[in-house]
Amino acid sequence: MSNTPVIAAVDGSEHSLRALEWARKEAVRHDSRLLVAHVLPDHAQLYAGRRASLHDASEPAEFADPVRDWVESLLGAGGSGLPEGVTYEALEGSVPEALRVIGSQARMLVMGSRGRGGFASLLLGSSSRAVASTAACPVVVVPHAERGAADTDADAEQSAGRVVVGLHAAETPDDVLTFAFTEAAVRGTTVQVVSAYAIPPSPTLVIDSPFAVIPPEGLADEGDGVPAEREMLRSQTERLAPLRERFPDVPVEQAAVPGDPAGRLVIASRAAALVVVGRHHPRRTAMSLAIGSVAHAVLHHAHGPVAVVPTLKDDV
């Protein structure tokens, strides 16, 4: 079993339950340890600090942690303790910082799209967004039930679906592609590589929304299309050659699509096991998003789990 853990960030909410179950299966796929992490609420952290400062031995050594009890009841054999290969850690500090620190040596960190304290109308909680923006490891955000629901059984579709990765041939680092191919390999499924190209202005072409165009899976892998599509597929092929050699058993689908890349990835997420995007910081200004605009949009609107993969360039 690998010592590099898959981390599930939980808070006892229904959203974190979905993340915990996803992370548990992921740990099995990778033969990795599962570390369940809970950032203690403020009142528990205050209690721990008060007890330490007063050196009051009459106070209980630990603040009651119902989330640990909840995790043990879900994962423990017979409802008592945790199974082999699973550990639990209660963390102190702010949620983004505590998870950033513990995730520094992780295979990935998995969390729900919003936590116990989030507004019901939010598609993505502030903690999920902050962790995805700063963690040193890949962060997988698992959407809540309403976003994941589809006309068919979403869980069944996602378990059997492909891994979709957004590729900008000139900018997407190899770390992102390697993560996507590795995830496809452990699932025994296909990688679908989606790149988007700009649509030239035309009075005869009207697209009302990025979701109105043909889904990526409906496009041919090889180009009889417009020159921009053929060039995009050629660039894809060059970038993917080393990955095909490294992962010869992973089938690859290539799609060059017109329009908005985030919209196309959201469409593809309906029947995907996982959507993989890079965490780009193209221009660091006071007005820029904390993560790239494509990753930001996909995190907010995808129908299934999204992995945001950092690269060494993030630290430059």
Foldseek 3Di string as FASTA:
>chain_A
DDAAEEEQEADPDLQSVVQLVVRVVVCVLVVAFYEYEYADDPVQVVVQVVCVVVVDPVDDNHDDDVVVQVVLCVAPDVSDDHDPRYYYDYHYDDLQVRCQVVQQRHQEYEYEQAHPPDDPPAFHHPSLQSNLLRHQHKYKYWTHPVLQDDPDDSVVLLLQFAEEEEDDLVDDDVQQVVVRLVVCVSSVAAYEYEYEDEDDDDPVDDDPDLQPDDAQVVDQQADPDDPVFNVVSVSVCVSCVVVCVVRVSHHYGYGYYYDDRLNNQQVSLNRHNEYEYEFDDPDDDPPDDSGDPSVVSNSRRHNGMYIYGYDPVSVD
